[in-house]
Amino acid sequence: MTTLAELLKSDGELPLSGELAATVEAWLEHMVLDRGLSEATRECYARDLVQFLAHIKTERGRSPVMADLERLDVRMIRGFLARRRRQGVSGRTLAGSMSALRMFFRWLEASEILKNRSILSVAMPGANPDAAYQHYKRHGLPDGPQLEALAQKGRRHFPSLVPAMPL
């Protein structure tokens, strides 16, 4: 199991205030003990949070503290997503990072540590319907049952783009 301290050290010595480090550790412990998540998932969530805190450090020019999380705005969160996208991170990975961040901020609120709902105002990154269109334009559509399964999935994920009529 990788500890938070090890992750912070591997991220170029991202120092956290004692209060913020203890809060992050408490959340990670809650995720394993109370929510039953695996150590591997805990490590992924910790890495997502460390990357987000490193973004805050870059933007603020200093190590983040609890007050930074209270004052967090939508622009900072979108900036984080944009930076990760420029680094070549996929939409699925970004969605996982956002999911971890949302869980963290919901836990902060439920634990009455702080309340900041800016994270909930940012749309979750996801599949790009244009990329799927380009893929099938190049490689052709599947036949029969595969085509129907694809249409059903499209109707579920993009109801306004895929008509509900049989193919």
Foldseek 3Di string as FASTA:
>chain_A
DDDLCNLCVVVVNQDEPPVVSVLLNVLLCCCCPVVVDDPVLSVLLSNLVSLLQVLVCVVVVHGDYPVCVQVDALVSVVVSVVVVVVVVDDLVSQLSSLVSVVSSQVVCVVVVNHHDCRSVVDDRRDDDVVVVVVVCVVVPDDDDPRNQVVLVVCCVVPVVVRDPDGD
